[in-house]
PDB file of all heavy atoms in Angstrom:
ATOM      1  N   VAL A   1     -11.011 -10.945  -1.008  1.00  0.00           N
ATOM      2  CA  VAL A   1     -12.210 -10.342  -1.235  1.00  0.00           C
ATOM      3  C   VAL A   1     -13.102 -10.534   0.021  1.00  0.00           C
ATOM      4  O   VAL A   1     -13.224 -11.640   0.526  1.00  0.00           O
ATOM      5  CB  VAL A   1     -12.951 -10.830  -2.438  1.00  0.00           C
ATOM      6  CG1 VAL A   1     -14.345 -10.172  -2.619  1.00  0.00           C
ATOM      7  CG2 VAL A   1     -12.127 -10.604  -3.720  1.00  0.00           C
ATOM      8  N   ARG A   2     -13.673  -9.462   0.546  1.00  0.00           N
ATOM      9  CA  ARG A   2     -14.646  -9.527   1.657  1.00  0.00           C
ATOM     10  C   ARG A   2     -15.907  -8.863   1.283  1.00  0.00           C
ATOM     11  O   ARG A   2     -15.903  -7.693   0.924  1.00  0.00           O
ATOM     12  CB  ARG A   2     -14.044  -8.949   2.905  1.00  0.00           C
ATOM     13  CG  ARG A   2     -15.062  -9.012   4.099  1.00  0.00           C
ATOM     14  CD  ARG A   2     -14.539  -8.230   5.332  1.00  0.00           C
ATOM     15  NE  ARG A   2     -13.375  -8.819   5.919  1.00  0.00           N
ATOM     16  CZ  ARG A   2     -13.474  -9.813   6.844  1.00  0.00           C
ATOM     17  NH1 ARG A   2     -14.667 -10.328   7.190  1.00  0.00           N
ATOM     18  NH2 ARG A   2     -12.349 -10.358   7.306  1.00  0.00           N
ATOM     19  N   ASN A   3     -17.084  -9.595   1.320  1.00  0.00           N
ATOM     20  CA  ASN A   3     -18.331  -9.014   1.215  1.00  0.00           C
ATOM     21  C   ASN A   3     -18.981  -8.886   2.590  1.00  0.00           C
ATOM     22  O   ASN A   3     -19.131  -9.890   3.289  1.00  0.00           O
ATOM     23  CB  ASN A   3     -19.257  -9.879   0.315  1.00  0.00           C
ATOM     24  CG  ASN A   3     -18.844  -9.905  -1.118  1.00  0.00           C
ATOM     25  OD1 ASN A   3     -17.980 -10.765  -1.515  1.00  0.00           O
ATOM     26  ND2 ASN A   3     -19.292  -9.004  -1.894  1.00  0.00           N
ATOM     27  N   ASP A   4     -19.200  -7.672   2.994  1.00  0.00           N
ATOM     28  CA  ASP A   4     -19.721  -7.440   4.348  1.00  0.00           C
ATOM     29  C   ASP A   4     -21.137  -6.892   4.356  1.00  0.00           C
ATOM     30  O   ASP A   4     -21.383  -5.879   3.760  1.00  0.00           O
ATOM     31  CB  ASP A   4     -18.763  -6.483   5.088  1.00  0.00           C
ATOM     32  CG  ASP A   4     -18.956  -6.453   6.606  1.00  0.00           C
ATOM     33  OD1 ASP A   4     -20.076  -6.327   7.066  1.00  0.00           O
ATOM     34  OD2 ASP A   4     -17.919  -6.605   7.346  1.00  0.00           O
ATOM     35  N   PRO A   5     -22.073  -7.642   5.008  1.00  0.00           N
ATOM     36  CA  PRO A   5     -23.461  -7.104   4.969  1.00  0.00           C
ATOM     37  C   PRO A   5     -23.629  -5.782   5.762  1.00  0.00           C
ATOM     38  O   PRO A   5     -24.664  -5.146   5.535  1.00  0.00           O
ATOM     39  CB  PRO A   5     -24.257  -8.260   5.652  1.00  0.00           C
ATOM     40  CG  PRO A   5     -23.221  -8.974   6.485  1.00  0.00           C
ATOM     41  CD  PRO A   5     -21.914  -8.871   5.698  1.00  0.00           C
ATOM     42  N   ARG A   6     -22.697  -5.440   6.558  1.00  0.00           N
ATOM     43  CA  ARG A   6     -22.861  -4.191   7.349  1.00  0.00           C
ATOM     44  C   ARG A   6     -22.382  -3.000   6.585  1.00  0.00           C
ATOM     45  O   ARG A   6     -22.521  -1.903   7.071  1.00  0.00           O
ATOM     46  CB  ARG A   6     -22.021  -4.332   8.665  1.00  0.00           C
ATOM     47  CG  ARG A   6     -22.412  -5.439   9.589  1.00  0.00           C
ATOM     48  CD  ARG A   6     -21.524  -5.565  10.751  1.00  0.00           C
ATOM     49  NE  ARG A   6     -20.143  -5.926  10.330  1.00  0.00           N
ATOM     50  CZ  ARG A   6     -19.027  -5.872  11.096  1.00  0.00           C
ATOM     51  NH1 ARG A   6     -19.178  -5.515  12.351  1.00  0.00           N
ATOM     52  NH2 ARG A   6     -17.930  -6.183  10.561  1.00  0.00           N
ATOM     53  N   LEU A   7     -21.746  -3.198   5.503  1.00  0.00           N
ATOM     54  CA  LEU A   7     -21.158  -2.072   4.694  1.00  0.00           C
ATOM     55  C   LEU A   7     -22.279  -1.178   4.174  1.00  0.00           C
ATOM     56  O   LEU A   7     -23.136  -1.587   3.519  1.00  0.00           O
ATOM     57  CB  LEU A   7     -20.364  -2.574   3.548  1.00  0.00           C
ATOM     58  CG  LEU A   7     -19.467  -1.542   2.812  1.00  0.00           C
ATOM     59  CD1 LEU A   7     -18.347  -1.090   3.770  1.00  0.00           C
ATOM     60  CD2 LEU A   7     -18.799  -2.158   1.592  1.00  0.00           C
ATOM     61  N   ARG A   8     -22.300   0.107   4.710  1.00  0.00           N
ATOM     62  CA  ARG A   8     -23.261   1.017   4.278  1.00  0.00           C
ATOM     63  C   ARG A   8     -22.721   2.127   3.333  1.00  0.00           C
ATOM     64  O   ARG A   8     -23.436   2.841   2.666  1.00  0.00           O
ATOM     65  CB  ARG A   8     -23.843   1.714   5.576  1.00  0.00           C
ATOM     66  CG  ARG A   8     -24.565   0.787   6.442  1.00  0.00           C
ATOM     67  CD  ARG A   8     -25.861   0.269   5.821  1.00  0.00           C
ATOM     68  NE  ARG A   8     -26.598  -0.645   6.679  1.00  0.00           N
ATOM     69  CZ  ARG A   8     -26.475  -1.946   6.568  1.00  0.00           C
ATOM     70  NH1 ARG A   8     -25.709  -2.508   5.685  1.00  0.00           N
ATOM     71  NH2 ARG A   8     -27.214  -2.779   7.392  1.00  0.00           N
ATOM     72  N   GLY A   9     -21.380   2.251   3.300  1.00  0.00           N
ATOM     73  CA  GLY A   9     -20.796   3.222   2.466  1.00  0.00           C
ATOM     74  C   GLY A   9     -20.251   2.598   1.219  1.00  0.00           C
ATOM     75  O   GLY A   9     -20.772   1.521   0.751  1.00  0.00           O
ATOM     76  N   GLU A  10     -19.291   3.280   0.615  1.00  0.00           N
ATOM     77  CA  GLU A  10     -18.710   2.825  -0.628  1.00  0.00           C
ATOM     78  C   GLU A  10     -17.731   1.583  -0.417  1.00  0.00           C
ATOM     79  O   GLU A  10     -17.296   1.378   0.654  1.00  0.00           O
ATOM     80  CB  GLU A  10     -17.940   3.938  -1.292  1.00  0.00           C
ATOM     81  CG  GLU A  10     -18.818   5.134  -1.791  1.00  0.00           C
ATOM     82  CD  GLU A  10     -19.087   6.091  -0.650  1.00  0.00           C
ATOM     83  OE1 GLU A  10     -18.575   5.938   0.448  1.00  0.00           O
ATOM     84  OE2 GLU A  10     -19.787   7.153  -1.022  1.00  0.00           O
ATOM     85  N   ALA A  11     -17.516   0.942  -1.519  1.00  0.00           N
ATOM     86  CA  ALA A  11     -16.568  -0.191  -1.505  1.00  0.00           C
ATOM     87  C   ALA A  11     -15.112   0.364  -1.372  1.00  0.00           C
ATOM     88  O   ALA A  11     -14.887   1.620  -1.409  1.00  0.00           O
ATOM     89  CB  ALA A  11     -16.715  -0.983  -2.765  1.00  0.00           C
ATOM     90  N   THR A  12     -14.143  -0.495  -1.215  1.00  0.00           N
ATOM     91  CA  THR A  12     -12.832  -0.154  -1.206  1.00  0.00           C
ATOM     92  C   THR A  12     -11.955  -1.077  -2.015  1.00  0.00           C
ATOM     93  O   THR A  12     -12.133  -2.329  -1.882  1.00  0.00           O
ATOM     94  CB  THR A  12     -12.253  -0.215   0.313  1.00  0.00           C
ATOM     95  OG1 THR A  12     -12.997   0.744   1.130  1.00  0.00           O
ATOM     96  CG2 THR A  12     -10.795   0.121   0.335  1.00  0.00           C
ATOM     97  N   PHE A  13     -11.006  -0.584  -2.775  1.00  0.00           N
ATOM     98  CA  PHE A  13     -10.077  -1.370  -3.575  1.00  0.00           C
ATOM     99  C   PHE A  13      -8.675  -1.034  -3.145  1.00  0.00           C
ATOM    100  O   PHE A  13      -8.313   0.138  -2.957  1.00  0.00           O
ATOM    101  CB  PHE A  13     -10.178  -1.067  -5.096  1.00  0.00           C
ATOM    102  CG  PHE A  13      -9.193  -1.687  -5.889  1.00  0.00           C
ATOM    103  CD1 PHE A  13      -8.973  -3.054  -5.962  1.00  0.00           C
ATOM    104  CD2 PHE A  13      -8.256  -0.866  -6.651  1.00  0.00           C
ATOM    105  CE1 PHE A  13      -7.935  -3.669  -6.746  1.00  0.00           C
ATOM    106  CE2 PHE A  13      -7.208  -1.447  -7.420  1.00  0.00           C
ATOM    107  CZ  PHE A  13      -7.103  -2.842  -7.448  1.00  0.00           C
ATOM    108  N   ILE A  14      -7.912  -2.059  -2.964  1.00  0.00           N
ATOM    109  CA  ILE A  14      -6.431  -1.858  -2.598  1.00  0.00           C
ATOM    110  C   ILE A  14      -5.569  -2.740  -3.456  1.00  0.00           C
ATOM    111  O   ILE A  14      -5.896  -3.906  -3.774  1.00  0.00           O
ATOM    112  CB  ILE A  14      -6.172  -2.378  -1.103  1.00  0.00           C
ATOM    113  CG1 ILE A  14      -7.087  -1.610  -0.088  1.00  0.00           C
ATOM    114  CG2 ILE A  14      -4.725  -2.301  -0.795  1.00  0.00           C
ATOM    115  CD1 ILE A  14      -6.532  -0.234   0.261  1.00  0.00           C
ATOM    116  N   ARG A  15      -4.500  -2.148  -3.876  1.00  0.00           N
ATOM    117  CA  ARG A  15      -3.413  -2.949  -4.592  1.00  0.00           C
ATOM    118  C   ARG A  15      -2.167  -2.666  -3.718  1.00  0.00           C
ATOM    119  O   ARG A  15      -1.773  -1.560  -3.430  1.00  0.00           O
ATOM    120  CB  ARG A  15      -3.192  -2.416  -5.947  1.00  0.00           C
ATOM    121  CG  ARG A  15      -2.166  -3.252  -6.743  1.00  0.00           C
ATOM    122  CD  ARG A  15      -2.816  -4.455  -7.383  1.00  0.00           C
ATOM    123  NE  ARG A  15      -1.925  -5.532  -7.676  1.00  0.00           N
ATOM    124  CZ  ARG A  15      -2.289  -6.679  -8.250  1.00  0.00           C
ATOM    125  NH1 ARG A  15      -3.567  -6.802  -8.514  1.00  0.00           N
ATOM    126  NH2 ARG A  15      -1.423  -7.615  -8.488  1.00  0.00           N
ATOM    127  N   SER A  16      -1.482  -3.755  -3.253  1.00  0.00           N
ATOM    128  CA  SER A  16      -0.381  -3.645  -2.383  1.00  0.00           C
ATOM    129  C   SER A  16       0.822  -4.391  -2.902  1.00  0.00           C
ATOM    130  O   SER A  16       0.747  -5.532  -3.336  1.00  0.00           O
ATOM    131  CB  SER A  16      -0.792  -4.279  -0.995  1.00  0.00           C
ATOM    132  OG  SER A  16       0.236  -4.169  -0.067  1.00  0.00           O
ATOM    133  N   TRP A  17       1.959  -3.662  -2.930  1.00  0.00           N
ATOM    134  CA  TRP A  17       3.254  -4.236  -3.397  1.00  0.00           C
ATOM    135  C   TRP A  17       4.197  -4.278  -2.218  1.00  0.00           C
ATOM    136  O   TRP A  17       4.251  -3.356  -1.441  1.00  0.00           O
ATOM    137  CB  TRP A  17       3.864  -3.383  -4.430  1.00  0.00           C
ATOM    138  CG  TRP A  17       3.262  -3.271  -5.761  1.00  0.00           C
ATOM    139  CD1 TRP A  17       3.558  -4.032  -6.850  1.00  0.00           C
ATOM    140  CD2 TRP A  17       2.156  -2.457  -6.192  1.00  0.00           C
ATOM    141  NE1 TRP A  17       2.783  -3.704  -7.962  1.00  0.00           N
ATOM    142  CE2 TRP A  17       1.875  -2.692  -7.524  1.00  0.00           C
ATOM    143  CE3 TRP A  17       1.389  -1.507  -5.571  1.00  0.00           C
ATOM    144  CZ2 TRP A  17       0.879  -2.103  -8.304  1.00  0.00           C
ATOM    145  CZ3 TRP A  17       0.360  -0.850  -6.236  1.00  0.00           C
ATOM    146  CH2 TRP A  17       0.168  -1.181  -7.628  1.00  0.00           C
ATOM    147  N   GLN A  18       4.941  -5.368  -2.129  1.00  0.00           N
ATOM    148  CA  GLN A  18       6.096  -5.390  -1.114  1.00  0.00           C
ATOM    149  C   GLN A  18       7.087  -4.333  -1.536  1.00  0.00           C
ATOM    150  O   GLN A  18       7.340  -4.150  -2.715  1.00  0.00           O
ATOM    151  CB  GLN A  18       6.673  -6.769  -1.090  1.00  0.00           C
ATOM    152  CG  GLN A  18       5.765  -7.875  -0.531  1.00  0.00           C
ATOM    153  CD  GLN A  18       6.502  -9.254  -0.668  1.00  0.00           C
ATOM    154  OE1 GLN A  18       7.625  -9.366  -1.064  1.00  0.00           O
ATOM    155  NE2 GLN A  18       5.725 -10.253  -0.286  1.00  0.00           N
ATOM    156  N   ALA A  19       7.647  -3.686  -0.551  1.00  0.00           N
ATOM    157  CA  ALA A  19       8.535  -2.570  -0.874  1.00  0.00           C
ATOM    158  C   ALA A  19       9.674  -2.490   0.147  1.00  0.00           C
ATOM    159  O   ALA A  19       9.578  -2.841   1.337  1.00  0.00           O
ATOM    160  CB  ALA A  19       7.886  -1.248  -0.898  1.00  0.00           C
ATOM    161  N   PRO A  20      10.873  -1.968  -0.286  1.00  0.00           N
ATOM    162  CA  PRO A  20      11.962  -1.707   0.655  1.00  0.00           C
ATOM    163  C   PRO A  20      11.645  -0.458   1.485  1.00  0.00           C
ATOM    164  O   PRO A  20      10.701   0.310   1.224  1.00  0.00           O
ATOM    165  CB  PRO A  20      13.117  -1.430  -0.268  1.00  0.00           C
ATOM    166  CG  PRO A  20      12.480  -0.849  -1.475  1.00  0.00           C
ATOM    167  CD  PRO A  20      11.171  -1.554  -1.593  1.00  0.00           C
ATOM    168  N   SER A  21      12.301  -0.328   2.611  1.00  0.00           N
ATOM    169  CA  SER A  21      12.129   0.827   3.493  1.00  0.00           C
ATOM    170  C   SER A  21      13.525   1.488   3.696  1.00  0.00           C
ATOM    171  O   SER A  21      14.549   1.153   3.054  1.00  0.00           O
ATOM    172  CB  SER A  21      11.634   0.424   4.847  1.00  0.00           C
ATOM    173  OG  SER A  21      12.599  -0.359   5.556  1.00  0.00           O
ATOM    174  N   MET A  22      13.604   2.403   4.581  1.00  0.00           N
ATOM    175  CA  MET A  22      14.910   3.050   4.947  1.00  0.00           C
ATOM    176  C   MET A  22      15.822   2.114   5.746  1.00  0.00           C
ATOM    177  O   MET A  22      17.067   2.391   5.916  1.00  0.00           O
ATOM    178  CB  MET A  22      14.694   4.317   5.750  1.00  0.00           C
ATOM    179  CG  MET A  22      13.929   5.380   4.989  1.00  0.00           C
ATOM    180  SD  MET A  22      13.676   6.837   5.899  1.00  0.00           S
ATOM    181  CE  MET A  22      15.312   7.546   5.972  1.00  0.00           C
ATOM    182  N   THR A  23      15.290   0.919   6.217  1.00  0.00           N
ATOM    183  CA  THR A  23      16.073   0.002   7.033  1.00  0.00           C
ATOM    184  C   THR A  23      16.258  -1.321   6.398  1.00  0.00           C
ATOM    185  O   THR A  23      16.991  -2.192   6.944  1.00  0.00           O
ATOM    186  CB  THR A  23      15.535  -0.082   8.365  1.00  0.00           C
ATOM    187  OG1 THR A  23      14.208  -0.752   8.319  1.00  0.00           O
ATOM    188  CG2 THR A  23      15.297   1.287   9.112  1.00  0.00           C
ATOM    189  N   ALA A  24      15.529  -1.670   5.350  1.00  0.00           N
ATOM    190  CA  ALA A  24      15.544  -3.097   4.760  1.00  0.00           C
ATOM    191  C   ALA A  24      15.368  -3.032   3.286  1.00  0.00           C
ATOM    192  O   ALA A  24      14.702  -2.186   2.709  1.00  0.00           O
ATOM    193  CB  ALA A  24      14.426  -3.839   5.437  1.00  0.00           C
ATOM    194  N   GLY A  25      16.014  -4.020   2.654  1.00  0.00           N
ATOM    195  CA  GLY A  25      15.918  -4.137   1.229  1.00  0.00           C
ATOM    196  C   GLY A  25      16.763  -3.106   0.522  1.00  0.00           C
ATOM    197  O   GLY A  25      17.794  -2.645   1.044  1.00  0.00           O
ATOM    198  N   GLU A  26      16.330  -2.727  -0.645  1.00  0.00           N
ATOM    199  CA  GLU A  26      17.078  -1.677  -1.483  1.00  0.00           C
ATOM    200  C   GLU A  26      16.695  -0.298  -0.929  1.00  0.00           C
ATOM    201  O   GLU A  26      15.865   0.412  -1.415  1.00  0.00           O
ATOM    202  CB  GLU A  26      16.734  -1.796  -2.944  1.00  0.00           C
ATOM    203  CG  GLU A  26      17.148  -3.069  -3.655  1.00  0.00           C
ATOM    204  CD  GLU A  26      18.660  -3.093  -3.782  1.00  0.00           C
ATOM    205  OE1 GLU A  26      19.306  -2.044  -3.700  1.00  0.00           O
ATOM    206  OE2 GLU A  26      19.236  -4.177  -4.035  1.00  0.00           O
ATOM    207  N   THR A  27      17.420   0.113   0.161  1.00  0.00           N
ATOM    208  CA  THR A  27      17.087   1.331   0.917  1.00  0.00           C
ATOM    209  C   THR A  27      17.212   2.515   0.090  1.00  0.00           C
ATOM    210  O   THR A  27      16.602   3.567   0.338  1.00  0.00           O
ATOM    211  CB  THR A  27      17.990   1.364   2.182  1.00  0.00           C
ATOM    212  OG1 THR A  27      19.339   1.462   1.763  1.00  0.00           O
ATOM    213  CG2 THR A  27      17.755   0.263   3.136  1.00  0.00           C
ATOM    214  N   ARG A  28      18.047   2.494  -1.013  1.00  0.00           N
ATOM    215  CA  ARG A  28      18.173   3.675  -1.881  1.00  0.00           C
ATOM    216  C   ARG A  28      16.873   4.069  -2.572  1.00  0.00           C
ATOM    217  O   ARG A  28      16.753   5.160  -3.064  1.00  0.00           O
ATOM    218  CB  ARG A  28      19.243   3.382  -2.877  1.00  0.00           C
ATOM    219  CG  ARG A  28      18.893   2.191  -3.893  1.00  0.00           C
ATOM    220  CD  ARG A  28      20.144   1.806  -4.654  1.00  0.00           C
ATOM    221  NE  ARG A  28      19.828   0.580  -5.409  1.00  0.00           N
ATOM    222  CZ  ARG A  28      19.362   0.557  -6.670  1.00  0.00           C
ATOM    223  NH1 ARG A  28      19.061   1.707  -7.195  1.00  0.00           N
ATOM    224  NH2 ARG A  28      19.114  -0.611  -7.282  1.00  0.00           N
ATOM    225  N   HIS A  29      15.897   3.159  -2.552  1.00  0.00           N
ATOM    226  CA  HIS A  29      14.659   3.421  -3.213  1.00  0.00           C
ATOM    227  C   HIS A  29      13.706   4.160  -2.336  1.00  0.00           C
ATOM    228  O   HIS A  29      12.583   4.580  -2.710  1.00  0.00           O
ATOM    229  CB  HIS A  29      13.931   2.200  -3.780  1.00  0.00           C
ATOM    230  CG  HIS A  29      14.650   1.484  -4.911  1.00  0.00           C
ATOM    231  ND1 HIS A  29      15.214   2.191  -5.928  1.00  0.00           N
ATOM    232  CD2 HIS A  29      14.813   0.113  -5.143  1.00  0.00           C
ATOM    233  CE1 HIS A  29      15.760   1.348  -6.794  1.00  0.00           C
ATOM    234  NE2 HIS A  29      15.545   0.127  -6.364  1.00  0.00           N
ATOM    235  N   SER A  30      13.980   4.351  -1.043  1.00  0.00           N
ATOM    236  CA  SER A  30      13.016   4.840  -0.085  1.00  0.00           C
ATOM    237  C   SER A  30      12.505   6.209  -0.394  1.00  0.00           C
ATOM    238  O   SER A  30      11.334   6.467  -0.546  1.00  0.00           O
ATOM    239  CB  SER A  30      13.609   4.842   1.362  1.00  0.00           C
ATOM    240  OG  SER A  30      12.670   5.303   2.276  1.00  0.00           O
ATOM    241  N   GLU A  31      13.501   7.213  -0.592  1.00  0.00           N
ATOM    242  CA  GLU A  31      13.030   8.577  -0.848  1.00  0.00           C
ATOM    243  C   GLU A  31      12.356   8.634  -2.227  1.00  0.00           C
ATOM    244  O   GLU A  31      11.328   9.331  -2.396  1.00  0.00           O
ATOM    245  CB  GLU A  31      14.212   9.560  -0.807  1.00  0.00           C
ATOM    246  CG  GLU A  31      14.494   9.993   0.645  1.00  0.00           C
ATOM    247  CD  GLU A  31      15.545   9.123   1.308  1.00  0.00           C
ATOM    248  OE1 GLU A  31      16.168   8.341   0.617  1.00  0.00           O
ATOM    249  OE2 GLU A  31      15.763   9.345   2.547  1.00  0.00           O
ATOM    250  N   PRO A  32      12.903   8.023  -3.306  1.00  0.00           N
ATOM    251  CA  PRO A  32      12.161   7.969  -4.512  1.00  0.00           C
ATOM    252  C   PRO A  32      10.798   7.427  -4.423  1.00  0.00           C
ATOM    253  O   PRO A  32       9.889   7.856  -5.110  1.00  0.00           O
ATOM    254  CB  PRO A  32      13.064   7.142  -5.456  1.00  0.00           C
ATOM    255  CG  PRO A  32      14.465   7.354  -4.947  1.00  0.00           C
ATOM    256  CD  PRO A  32      14.205   7.445  -3.411  1.00  0.00           C
ATOM    257  N   LEU A  33      10.547   6.464  -3.617  1.00  0.00           N
ATOM    258  CA  LEU A  33       9.206   5.859  -3.428  1.00  0.00           C
ATOM    259  C   LEU A  33       8.293   6.872  -2.743  1.00  0.00           C
ATOM    260  O   LEU A  33       7.115   6.910  -2.950  1.00  0.00           O
ATOM    261  CB  LEU A  33       9.261   4.564  -2.625  1.00  0.00           C
ATOM    262  CG  LEU A  33       9.768   3.402  -3.490  1.00  0.00           C
ATOM    263  CD1 LEU A  33       9.922   2.128  -2.519  1.00  0.00           C
ATOM    264  CD2 LEU A  33       8.773   3.045  -4.591  1.00  0.00           C
ATOM    265  N   GLU A  34       8.816   7.689  -1.846  1.00  0.00           N
ATOM    266  CA  GLU A  34       8.002   8.746  -1.225  1.00  0.00           C
ATOM    267  C   GLU A  34       7.568   9.736  -2.266  1.00  0.00           C
ATOM    268  O   GLU A  34       6.392  10.167  -2.249  1.00  0.00           O
ATOM    269  CB  GLU A  34       8.867   9.522  -0.173  1.00  0.00           C
ATOM    270  CG  GLU A  34       9.305   8.736   1.060  1.00  0.00           C
ATOM    271  CD  GLU A  34       8.195   8.654   2.078  1.00  0.00           C
ATOM    272  OE1 GLU A  34       7.053   9.144   1.849  1.00  0.00           O
ATOM    273  OE2 GLU A  34       8.414   8.044   3.176  1.00  0.00           O
ATOM    274  N   VAL A  35       8.459  10.083  -3.190  1.00  0.00           N
ATOM    275  CA  VAL A  35       8.036  10.968  -4.251  1.00  0.00           C
ATOM    276  C   VAL A  35       7.009  10.351  -5.194  1.00  0.00           C
ATOM    277  O   VAL A  35       6.018  10.948  -5.606  1.00  0.00           O
ATOM    278  CB  VAL A  35       9.299  11.456  -5.017  1.00  0.00           C
ATOM    279  CG1 VAL A  35       8.890  12.319  -6.245  1.00  0.00           C
ATOM    280  CG2 VAL A  35      10.248  12.197  -4.130  1.00  0.00           C
ATOM    281  N   LEU A  36       7.285   9.046  -5.522  1.00  0.00           N
ATOM    282  CA  LEU A  36       6.326   8.322  -6.290  1.00  0.00           C
ATOM    283  C   LEU A  36       4.926   8.255  -5.662  1.00  0.00           C
ATOM    284  O   LEU A  36       3.960   8.423  -6.370  1.00  0.00           O
ATOM    285  CB  LEU A  36       6.840   6.865  -6.560  1.00  0.00           C
ATOM    286  CG  LEU A  36       5.995   5.907  -7.347  1.00  0.00           C
ATOM    287  CD1 LEU A  36       5.818   6.459  -8.822  1.00  0.00           C
ATOM    288  CD2 LEU A  36       6.519   4.547  -7.373  1.00  0.00           C
ATOM    289  N   ARG A  37       4.947   8.022  -4.375  1.00  0.00           N
ATOM    290  CA  ARG A  37       3.660   8.019  -3.689  1.00  0.00           C
ATOM    291  C   ARG A  37       2.902   9.266  -3.900  1.00  0.00           C
ATOM    292  O   ARG A  37       1.668   9.267  -4.188  1.00  0.00           O
ATOM    293  CB  ARG A  37       3.845   7.721  -2.233  1.00  0.00           C
ATOM    294  CG  ARG A  37       2.517   7.791  -1.363  1.00  0.00           C
ATOM    295  CD  ARG A  37       2.791   8.226   0.032  1.00  0.00           C
ATOM    296  NE  ARG A  37       3.345   9.530   0.151  1.00  0.00           N
ATOM    297  CZ  ARG A  37       2.671  10.671   0.063  1.00  0.00           C
ATOM    298  NH1 ARG A  37       1.391  10.673  -0.197  1.00  0.00           N
ATOM    299  NH2 ARG A  37       3.250  11.828   0.189  1.00  0.00           N
TER     300      ARG A  37
END
């Protein structure tokens, strides 16, 4: 969490999951994750 006094616009929320790519991990999930995105 970052509270920034300079922020003049809206806030931002992020949720981030570790994921495989076309070169690492379960590479078979890469194109399905593109569709999911």
